Amino acid sequence: MRFDVVTLFPEMFSALTQWGITGRACEQGLASVNLWNPRDYCSDARKTVDDRAYGGGPGMVMMVKPLEDTISAVKAAHQSAGLASGPICLLAPQGQVFSQKIATDILNYRNLTFICGRYEAVDQRFIDRNVDLQLSMGDFVVSGGELPAMTMMDAVIRLIPGVLGDDESAVQDSFINGLLDYPHYTRPEIYENLSVPDVLLGGHHAKIADWRRQKSLELTLRLRPDLIESARANGLLSKEDEQFLRTL
């Protein structure tokens, strides 16, 4: 999976490319993150990328031309590498809220360009002319698109086959099957008079699977009942699931 990121702060992405699971994925060539600073494509001495908003108001607006020139360089790099350019995504409060399903969809693109906005906004003409989709982390505002972009890339990269030590880890994550994950335990068996559930110690795989499914349903109903309704609407609940939910 190739990511191209248009950002005024490319140094921030070392947290993604040099550390942990995502860092190993980049080192092994399973993912690549290519950083593009719009200031490098400005023709004036001050490397100006923003200006005051027409109509007045607080804050500055990112200008069209530096961003479009950067995108042209990204597409030229794709062409030189023999790649088809994927969608261009703007991180913005008005975007669709990111989800596990969107992470899976992004993986299918094989190539995605993120635009990390800064200041008050991005000139709407750039959005109208270039942006294919807009994504948000939720109903709150952060200082720029860098942290949301890194979060989304982390979610996508861990889905790439071979990135995790055990590919089943990604399959069993929360939200993959529409529900929250079940509780997990490790050594010691007893800690401060709290024991690991007996079913996990018995080695009976079918009983363990049933227990985990029921705990997943129980946690989801208690903490995120909206996910139960969504799973039901999408046909992700079995007759056994529904019978168990009625007992809660």
C-alpha atoms as a PDB file:
ATOM      1  CA  MET A   1       0.000   0.000   0.000  1.00  0.00           C
ATOM      2  CA  ARG A   2       1.371   3.390  -0.995  1.00  0.00           C
ATOM      3  CA  PHE A   3       0.402   6.583   0.771  1.00  0.00           C
ATOM      4  CA  ASP A   4       1.284  10.063  -0.447  1.00  0.00           C
ATOM      5  CA  VAL A   5       0.784  12.767   2.163  1.00  0.00           C
ATOM      6  CA  VAL A   6       0.634  16.489   1.443  1.00  0.00           C
ATOM      7  CA  THR A   7       1.629  18.218   4.674  1.00  0.00           C
ATOM      8  CA  LEU A   8       3.353  21.319   5.970  1.00  0.00           C
ATOM      9  CA  PHE A   9       4.865  19.227   8.779  1.00  0.00           C
ATOM     10  CA  PRO A  10       6.392  16.094   7.229  1.00  0.00           C
ATOM     11  CA  GLU A  11       8.591  15.501  10.293  1.00  0.00           C
ATOM     12  CA  MET A  12       5.538  14.488  12.296  1.00  0.00           C
ATOM     13  CA  PHE A  13       5.180  11.284  10.297  1.00  0.00           C
ATOM     14  CA  SER A  14       8.325   9.724  11.727  1.00  0.00           C
ATOM     15  CA  ALA A  15       6.047   8.540  14.538  1.00  0.00           C
ATOM     16  CA  LEU A  16       4.324   6.339  11.954  1.00  0.00           C
ATOM     17  CA  THR A  17       7.207   5.366   9.680  1.00  0.00           C
ATOM     18  CA  GLN A  18       9.921   4.670  12.253  1.00  0.00           C
ATOM     19  CA  TRP A  19       8.143   3.035  15.184  1.00  0.00           C
ATOM     20  CA  GLY A  20       6.154  -0.074  16.029  1.00  0.00           C
ATOM     21  CA  ILE A  21       4.094  -2.185  13.655  1.00  0.00           C
ATOM     22  CA  THR A  22       3.754   0.538  11.020  1.00  0.00           C
ATOM     23  CA  GLY A  23       7.486   1.263  11.133  1.00  0.00           C
ATOM     24  CA  ARG A  24       8.262  -2.409  10.494  1.00  0.00           C
ATOM     25  CA  ALA A  25       5.748  -2.486   7.641  1.00  0.00           C
ATOM     26  CA  CYS A  26       7.527   0.455   5.984  1.00  0.00           C
ATOM     27  CA  GLU A  27      10.934  -1.105   6.584  1.00  0.00           C
ATOM     28  CA  GLN A  28       9.796  -4.372   4.996  1.00  0.00           C
ATOM     29  CA  GLY A  29       8.280  -2.628   1.977  1.00  0.00           C
ATOM     30  CA  LEU A  30       4.705  -3.676   2.794  1.00  0.00           C
ATOM     31  CA  ALA A  31       3.701  -0.018   3.017  1.00  0.00           C
ATOM     32  CA  SER A  32       5.291   3.233   1.894  1.00  0.00           C
ATOM     33  CA  VAL A  33       4.638   6.777   3.049  1.00  0.00           C
ATOM     34  CA  ASN A  34       5.781   9.539   0.706  1.00  0.00           C
ATOM     35  CA  LEU A  35       5.729  13.065   2.116  1.00  0.00           C
ATOM     36  CA  TRP A  36       5.148  16.220   0.064  1.00  0.00           C
ATOM     37  CA  ASN A  37       5.469  19.734   1.471  1.00  0.00           C
ATOM     38  CA  PRO A  38       3.529  22.407  -0.474  1.00  0.00           C
ATOM     39  CA  ARG A  39       6.182  24.979   0.482  1.00  0.00           C
ATOM     40  CA  ASP A  40       8.565  23.138  -1.852  1.00  0.00           C
ATOM     41  CA  TYR A  41       6.290  24.052  -4.771  1.00  0.00           C
ATOM     42  CA  CYS A  42       5.961  27.782  -4.058  1.00  0.00           C
ATOM     43  CA  SER A  43       7.652  30.248  -6.373  1.00  0.00           C
ATOM     44  CA  ASP A  44       7.915  33.223  -3.988  1.00  0.00           C
ATOM     45  CA  ALA A  45      10.799  33.751  -1.585  1.00  0.00           C
ATOM     46  CA  ARG A  46       8.604  33.436   1.499  1.00  0.00           C
ATOM     47  CA  LYS A  47       7.139  30.090   0.392  1.00  0.00           C
ATOM     48  CA  THR A  48       3.615  31.379   1.011  1.00  0.00           C
ATOM     49  CA  VAL A  49       0.906  28.726   1.262  1.00  0.00           C
ATOM     50  CA  ASP A  50      -1.905  30.684   2.937  1.00  0.00           C
ATOM     51  CA  ASP A  51      -3.678  34.040   2.813  1.00  0.00           C
ATOM     52  CA  ARG A  52      -6.562  35.930   4.410  1.00  0.00           C
ATOM     53  CA  ALA A  53     -10.117  34.793   3.713  1.00  0.00           C
ATOM     54  CA  TYR A  54     -12.311  36.760   1.339  1.00  0.00           C
ATOM     55  CA  GLY A  55     -15.264  38.127   3.257  1.00  0.00           C
ATOM     56  CA  GLY A  56     -13.251  38.537   6.415  1.00  0.00           C
ATOM     57  CA  GLY A  57     -13.210  36.417   9.523  1.00  0.00           C
ATOM     58  CA  PRO A  58     -10.541  34.809  11.695  1.00  0.00           C
ATOM     59  CA  GLY A  59      -7.803  32.530  10.498  1.00  0.00           C
ATOM     60  CA  MET A  60      -6.008  31.957   7.220  1.00  0.00           C
ATOM     61  CA  VAL A  61      -6.943  29.835   4.205  1.00  0.00           C
ATOM     62  CA  MET A  62      -4.623  27.453   2.352  1.00  0.00           C
ATOM     63  CA  MET A  63      -4.144  28.639  -1.231  1.00  0.00           C
ATOM     64  CA  VAL A  64      -5.058  26.648  -4.334  1.00  0.00           C
ATOM     65  CA  LYS A  65      -1.898  26.853  -6.432  1.00  0.00           C
ATOM     66  CA  PRO A  66       0.678  25.450  -3.980  1.00  0.00           C
ATOM     67  CA  LEU A  67      -1.611  22.519  -3.294  1.00  0.00           C
ATOM     68  CA  GLU A  68      -2.378  21.879  -6.961  1.00  0.00           C
ATOM     69  CA  ASP A  69       1.300  22.078  -7.905  1.00  0.00           C
ATOM     70  CA  THR A  70       2.050  19.557  -5.168  1.00  0.00           C
ATOM     71  CA  ILE A  71      -0.645  17.215  -6.449  1.00  0.00           C
ATOM     72  CA  SER A  72       0.806  17.501  -9.962  1.00  0.00           C
ATOM     73  CA  ALA A  73       4.179  16.393  -8.578  1.00  0.00           C
ATOM     74  CA  VAL A  74       2.553  13.463  -6.778  1.00  0.00           C
ATOM     75  CA  LYS A  75       0.816  12.306  -9.958  1.00  0.00           C
ATOM     76  CA  ALA A  76       4.041  12.679 -11.946  1.00  0.00           C
ATOM     77  CA  ALA A  77       5.787  10.448  -9.400  1.00  0.00           C
ATOM     78  CA  HIS A  78       3.027   7.877  -9.787  1.00  0.00           C
ATOM     79  CA  GLN A  79       3.386   7.951 -13.555  1.00  0.00           C
ATOM     80  CA  SER A  80       7.170   7.532 -13.328  1.00  0.00           C
ATOM     81  CA  ALA A  81       6.652   4.519 -11.067  1.00  0.00           C
ATOM     82  CA  GLY A  82       4.092   3.008 -13.420  1.00  0.00           C
ATOM     83  CA  LEU A  83       1.274   3.421 -10.905  1.00  0.00           C
ATOM     84  CA  ALA A  84      -2.289   4.539 -11.397  1.00  0.00           C
ATOM     85  CA  SER A  85      -3.060   7.435  -9.056  1.00  0.00           C
ATOM     86  CA  GLY A  86      -5.597   6.544  -6.398  1.00  0.00           C
ATOM     87  CA  PRO A  87      -8.166   8.854  -4.791  1.00  0.00           C
ATOM     88  CA  ILE A  88      -7.235  12.161  -3.196  1.00  0.00           C
ATOM     89  CA  CYS A  89      -8.567  12.447   0.346  1.00  0.00           C
ATOM     90  CA  LEU A  90      -8.924  15.636   2.363  1.00  0.00           C
ATOM     91  CA  LEU A  91      -8.951  15.361   6.160  1.00  0.00           C
ATOM     92  CA  ALA A  92     -11.742  17.737   7.152  1.00  0.00           C
ATOM     93  CA  PRO A  93     -14.435  18.166   9.841  1.00  0.00           C
ATOM     94  CA  GLN A  94     -17.145  17.899   7.191  1.00  0.00           C
ATOM     95  CA  GLY A  95     -15.860  14.520   5.999  1.00  0.00           C
ATOM     96  CA  GLN A  96     -17.403  11.103   6.495  1.00  0.00           C
ATOM     97  CA  VAL A  97     -16.477   9.665   9.880  1.00  0.00           C
ATOM     98  CA  PHE A  98     -13.686   7.107   9.520  1.00  0.00           C
ATOM     99  CA  SER A  99     -14.483   3.478  10.343  1.00  0.00           C
ATOM    100  CA  GLN A 100     -13.059  -0.030  10.095  1.00  0.00           C
ATOM    101  CA  LYS A 101     -15.027  -0.562   6.882  1.00  0.00           C
ATOM    102  CA  ILE A 102     -13.489   2.549   5.330  1.00  0.00           C
ATOM    103  CA  ALA A 103     -10.044   1.295   6.354  1.00  0.00           C
ATOM    104  CA  THR A 104     -10.736  -1.936   4.457  1.00  0.00           C
ATOM    105  CA  ASP A 105     -11.994   0.000   1.438  1.00  0.00           C
ATOM    106  CA  ILE A 106      -8.853   2.170   1.403  1.00  0.00           C
ATOM    107  CA  LEU A 107      -6.662  -0.949   1.366  1.00  0.00           C
ATOM    108  CA  ASN A 108      -8.361  -1.980  -1.878  1.00  0.00           C
ATOM    109  CA  TYR A 109      -7.216   1.255  -3.552  1.00  0.00           C
ATOM    110  CA  ARG A 110      -3.523   0.259  -3.131  1.00  0.00           C
ATOM    111  CA  ASN A 111      -2.689   3.964  -3.439  1.00  0.00           C
ATOM    112  CA  LEU A 112      -4.146   6.987  -1.635  1.00  0.00           C
ATOM    113  CA  THR A 113      -3.129  10.639  -1.306  1.00  0.00           C
ATOM    114  CA  PHE A 114      -3.973  12.486   1.914  1.00  0.00           C
ATOM    115  CA  ILE A 115      -4.264  16.280   2.055  1.00  0.00           C
ATOM    116  CA  CYS A 116      -3.504  17.498   5.576  1.00  0.00           C
ATOM    117  CA  GLY A 117      -5.191  20.855   5.954  1.00  0.00           C
ATOM    118  CA  ARG A 118      -3.942  23.536   8.334  1.00  0.00           C
ATOM    119  CA  TYR A 119      -5.101  27.002   9.406  1.00  0.00           C
ATOM    120  CA  GLU A 120      -8.793  27.864   9.175  1.00  0.00           C
ATOM    121  CA  ALA A 121      -9.598  25.974   5.961  1.00  0.00           C
ATOM    122  CA  VAL A 122      -8.568  24.955   2.447  1.00  0.00           C
ATOM    123  CA  ASP A 123      -9.701  27.064  -0.514  1.00  0.00           C
ATOM    124  CA  GLN A 124     -12.929  25.478  -1.736  1.00  0.00           C
ATOM    125  CA  ARG A 125     -11.764  25.653  -5.360  1.00  0.00           C
ATOM    126  CA  PHE A 126      -8.983  23.182  -4.599  1.00  0.00           C
ATOM    127  CA  ILE A 127     -11.533  20.836  -3.032  1.00  0.00           C
ATOM    128  CA  ASP A 128     -13.940  21.134  -5.956  1.00  0.00           C
ATOM    129  CA  ARG A 129     -11.223  20.533  -8.557  1.00  0.00           C
ATOM    130  CA  ASN A 130      -9.143  17.814  -6.915  1.00  0.00           C
ATOM    131  CA  VAL A 131     -10.612  16.043  -3.894  1.00  0.00           C
ATOM    132  CA  ASP A 132     -12.336  12.685  -4.358  1.00  0.00           C
ATOM    133  CA  LEU A 133     -13.343  12.023  -0.747  1.00  0.00           C
ATOM    134  CA  GLN A 134     -13.267  13.724   2.623  1.00  0.00           C
ATOM    135  CA  LEU A 135     -12.766  11.932   5.933  1.00  0.00           C
ATOM    136  CA  SER A 136     -13.019  12.964   9.572  1.00  0.00           C
ATOM    137  CA  MET A 137     -12.113  11.339  12.903  1.00  0.00           C
ATOM    138  CA  GLY A 138     -15.345  12.584  14.495  1.00  0.00           C
ATOM    139  CA  ASP A 139     -17.164  15.663  15.677  1.00  0.00           C
ATOM    140  CA  PHE A 140     -14.206  17.550  17.090  1.00  0.00           C
ATOM    141  CA  VAL A 141     -11.515  19.857  15.706  1.00  0.00           C
ATOM    142  CA  VAL A 142      -7.734  19.368  15.791  1.00  0.00           C
ATOM    143  CA  SER A 143      -4.990  21.698  14.591  1.00  0.00           C
ATOM    144  CA  GLY A 144      -4.361  19.913  11.301  1.00  0.00           C
ATOM    145  CA  GLY A 145      -4.856  16.765   9.288  1.00  0.00           C
ATOM    146  CA  GLU A 146      -1.580  15.100  10.254  1.00  0.00           C
ATOM    147  CA  LEU A 147      -2.741  13.196  13.345  1.00  0.00           C
ATOM    148  CA  PRO A 148      -5.967  11.969  11.686  1.00  0.00           C
ATOM    149  CA  ALA A 149      -3.963  10.895   8.616  1.00  0.00           C
ATOM    150  CA  MET A 150      -1.528   8.910  10.772  1.00  0.00           C
ATOM    151  CA  THR A 151      -4.381   7.283  12.669  1.00  0.00           C
ATOM    152  CA  MET A 152      -6.107   6.249   9.446  1.00  0.00           C
ATOM    153  CA  MET A 153      -2.890   4.951   7.894  1.00  0.00           C
ATOM    154  CA  ASP A 154      -2.178   2.899  11.027  1.00  0.00           C
ATOM    155  CA  ALA A 155      -5.648   1.337  10.762  1.00  0.00           C
ATOM    156  CA  VAL A 156      -5.102   0.488   7.080  1.00  0.00           C
ATOM    157  CA  ILE A 157      -1.500  -0.730   7.352  1.00  0.00           C
ATOM    158  CA  ARG A 158      -2.317  -3.289  10.062  1.00  0.00           C
ATOM    159  CA  LEU A 159      -4.771  -4.887   7.590  1.00  0.00           C
ATOM    160  CA  ILE A 160      -2.056  -5.553   5.005  1.00  0.00           C
ATOM    161  CA  PRO A 161      -1.254  -9.295   4.916  1.00  0.00           C
ATOM    162  CA  GLY A 162       2.063  -9.967   6.620  1.00  0.00           C
ATOM    163  CA  VAL A 163       2.142  -6.789   8.704  1.00  0.00           C
ATOM    164  CA  LEU A 164       0.959  -8.378  11.937  1.00  0.00           C
ATOM    165  CA  GLY A 165       2.772 -11.352  13.423  1.00  0.00           C
ATOM    166  CA  ASP A 166      -0.475 -13.318  13.166  1.00  0.00           C
ATOM    167  CA  ASP A 167      -2.926 -12.318  10.433  1.00  0.00           C
ATOM    168  CA  GLU A 168      -5.753 -13.576  12.665  1.00  0.00           C
ATOM    169  CA  SER A 169      -5.044 -10.630  14.992  1.00  0.00           C
ATOM    170  CA  ALA A 170      -6.560  -8.197  12.497  1.00  0.00           C
ATOM    171  CA  VAL A 171      -9.495 -10.500  11.775  1.00  0.00           C
ATOM    172  CA  GLN A 172     -10.381 -10.622  15.477  1.00  0.00           C
ATOM    173  CA  ASP A 173     -10.086  -6.880  16.134  1.00  0.00           C
ATOM    174  CA  SER A 174     -13.025  -4.867  17.375  1.00  0.00           C
ATOM    175  CA  PHE A 175     -15.477  -3.770  14.634  1.00  0.00           C
ATOM    176  CA  ILE A 176     -14.264  -6.354  12.075  1.00  0.00           C
ATOM    177  CA  ASN A 177     -17.404  -8.438  12.665  1.00  0.00           C
ATOM    178  CA  GLY A 178     -19.501  -5.421  13.631  1.00  0.00           C
ATOM    179  CA  LEU A 179     -19.034  -5.925  17.393  1.00  0.00           C
ATOM    180  CA  LEU A 180     -16.592  -4.959  20.116  1.00  0.00           C
ATOM    181  CA  ASP A 181     -13.834  -7.412  20.971  1.00  0.00           C
ATOM    182  CA  TYR A 182     -14.184  -9.891  23.851  1.00  0.00           C
ATOM    183  CA  PRO A 183     -12.111  -9.591  27.089  1.00  0.00           C
ATOM    184  CA  HIS A 184      -8.542 -10.903  27.085  1.00  0.00           C
ATOM    185  CA  TYR A 185      -6.438 -12.408  29.876  1.00  0.00           C
ATOM    186  CA  THR A 186      -2.816 -13.474  30.377  1.00  0.00           C
ATOM    187  CA  ARG A 187      -0.574 -14.693  33.237  1.00  0.00           C
ATOM    188  CA  PRO A 188      -0.785 -14.871  36.179  1.00  0.00           C
ATOM    189  CA  GLU A 189      -3.863 -17.066  36.470  1.00  0.00           C
ATOM    190  CA  ILE A 190      -4.841 -15.349  39.734  1.00  0.00           C
ATOM    191  CA  TYR A 191      -4.081 -11.685  40.443  1.00  0.00           C
ATOM    192  CA  GLU A 192      -5.272  -9.958  43.650  1.00  0.00           C
ATOM    193  CA  ASN A 193      -7.921 -12.691  44.114  1.00  0.00           C
ATOM    194  CA  LEU A 194      -9.185 -12.164  40.553  1.00  0.00           C
ATOM    195  CA  SER A 195      -9.078 -15.340  38.453  1.00  0.00           C
ATOM    196  CA  VAL A 196      -9.048 -15.977  34.741  1.00  0.00           C
ATOM    197  CA  PRO A 197     -12.475 -17.362  33.704  1.00  0.00           C
ATOM    198  CA  ASP A 198     -12.499 -21.166  34.006  1.00  0.00           C
ATOM    199  CA  VAL A 199     -13.664 -21.676  30.429  1.00  0.00           C
ATOM    200  CA  LEU A 200     -10.394 -20.202  29.108  1.00  0.00           C
ATOM    201  CA  LEU A 201      -8.352 -22.685  31.118  1.00  0.00           C
ATOM    202  CA  GLY A 202     -10.128 -25.852  30.005  1.00  0.00           C
ATOM    203  CA  GLY A 203      -8.750 -26.138  26.472  1.00  0.00           C
ATOM    204  CA  HIS A 204     -12.203 -26.796  24.962  1.00  0.00           C
ATOM    205  CA  HIS A 205     -12.009 -24.687  21.798  1.00  0.00           C
ATOM    206  CA  ALA A 206     -15.712 -24.754  20.966  1.00  0.00           C
ATOM    207  CA  LYS A 207     -16.680 -23.639  24.475  1.00  0.00           C
ATOM    208  CA  ILE A 208     -14.029 -20.916  24.376  1.00  0.00           C
ATOM    209  CA  ALA A 209     -15.366 -19.674  21.028  1.00  0.00           C
ATOM    210  CA  ASP A 210     -18.940 -19.606  22.408  1.00  0.00           C
ATOM    211  CA  TRP A 211     -17.815 -17.743  25.540  1.00  0.00           C
ATOM    212  CA  ARG A 212     -15.906 -15.170  23.502  1.00  0.00           C
ATOM    213  CA  ARG A 213     -18.817 -14.568  21.170  1.00  0.00           C
ATOM    214  CA  GLN A 214     -21.215 -14.105  24.064  1.00  0.00           C
ATOM    215  CA  LYS A 215     -18.862 -11.734  25.870  1.00  0.00           C
ATOM    216  CA  SER A 216     -18.458  -9.759  22.662  1.00  0.00           C
ATOM    217  CA  LEU A 217     -22.231  -9.459  22.357  1.00  0.00           C
ATOM    218  CA  GLU A 218     -22.592  -8.561  26.036  1.00  0.00           C
ATOM    219  CA  LEU A 219     -19.930  -5.836  25.935  1.00  0.00           C
ATOM    220  CA  THR A 220     -21.285  -4.389  22.711  1.00  0.00           C
ATOM    221  CA  LEU A 221     -24.848  -4.262  24.013  1.00  0.00           C
ATOM    222  CA  ARG A 222     -23.703  -2.568  27.235  1.00  0.00           C
ATOM    223  CA  LEU A 223     -21.175  -0.100  25.772  1.00  0.00           C
ATOM    224  CA  ARG A 224     -22.243   0.431  22.150  1.00  0.00           C
ATOM    225  CA  PRO A 225     -25.861  -0.696  21.630  1.00  0.00           C
ATOM    226  CA  ASP A 226     -25.864   1.165  18.322  1.00  0.00           C
ATOM    227  CA  LEU A 227     -23.415  -1.430  16.981  1.00  0.00           C
ATOM    228  CA  ILE A 228     -25.849  -4.223  17.851  1.00  0.00           C
ATOM    229  CA  GLU A 229     -28.532  -2.552  15.758  1.00  0.00           C
ATOM    230  CA  SER A 230     -26.091  -2.035  12.906  1.00  0.00           C
ATOM    231  CA  ALA A 231     -24.894  -5.661  13.061  1.00  0.00           C
ATOM    232  CA  ARG A 232     -28.490  -6.834  13.059  1.00  0.00           C
ATOM    233  CA  ALA A 233     -29.353  -4.667  10.057  1.00  0.00           C
ATOM    234  CA  ASN A 234     -26.331  -6.039   8.171  1.00  0.00           C
ATOM    235  CA  GLY A 235     -27.176  -9.673   8.899  1.00  0.00           C
ATOM    236  CA  LEU A 236     -24.173 -10.242  11.152  1.00  0.00           C
ATOM    237  CA  LEU A 237     -26.118 -11.781  14.045  1.00  0.00           C
ATOM    238  CA  SER A 238     -27.034 -15.473  14.077  1.00  0.00           C
ATOM    239  CA  LYS A 239     -30.115 -17.049  15.654  1.00  0.00           C
ATOM    240  CA  GLU A 240     -27.894 -18.111  18.555  1.00  0.00           C
ATOM    241  CA  ASP A 241     -26.678 -14.514  18.946  1.00  0.00           C
ATOM    242  CA  GLU A 242     -30.245 -13.231  19.081  1.00  0.00           C
ATOM    243  CA  GLN A 243     -31.269 -15.877  21.603  1.00  0.00           C
ATOM    244  CA  PHE A 244     -28.343 -14.923  23.851  1.00  0.00           C
ATOM    245  CA  LEU A 245     -29.095 -11.196  23.550  1.00  0.00           C
ATOM    246  CA  ARG A 246     -32.649 -11.839  24.745  1.00  0.00           C
ATOM    247  CA  THR A 247     -31.259 -13.288  27.967  1.00  0.00           C
ATOM    248  CA  LEU A 248     -29.327 -10.115  28.822  1.00  0.00           C
END
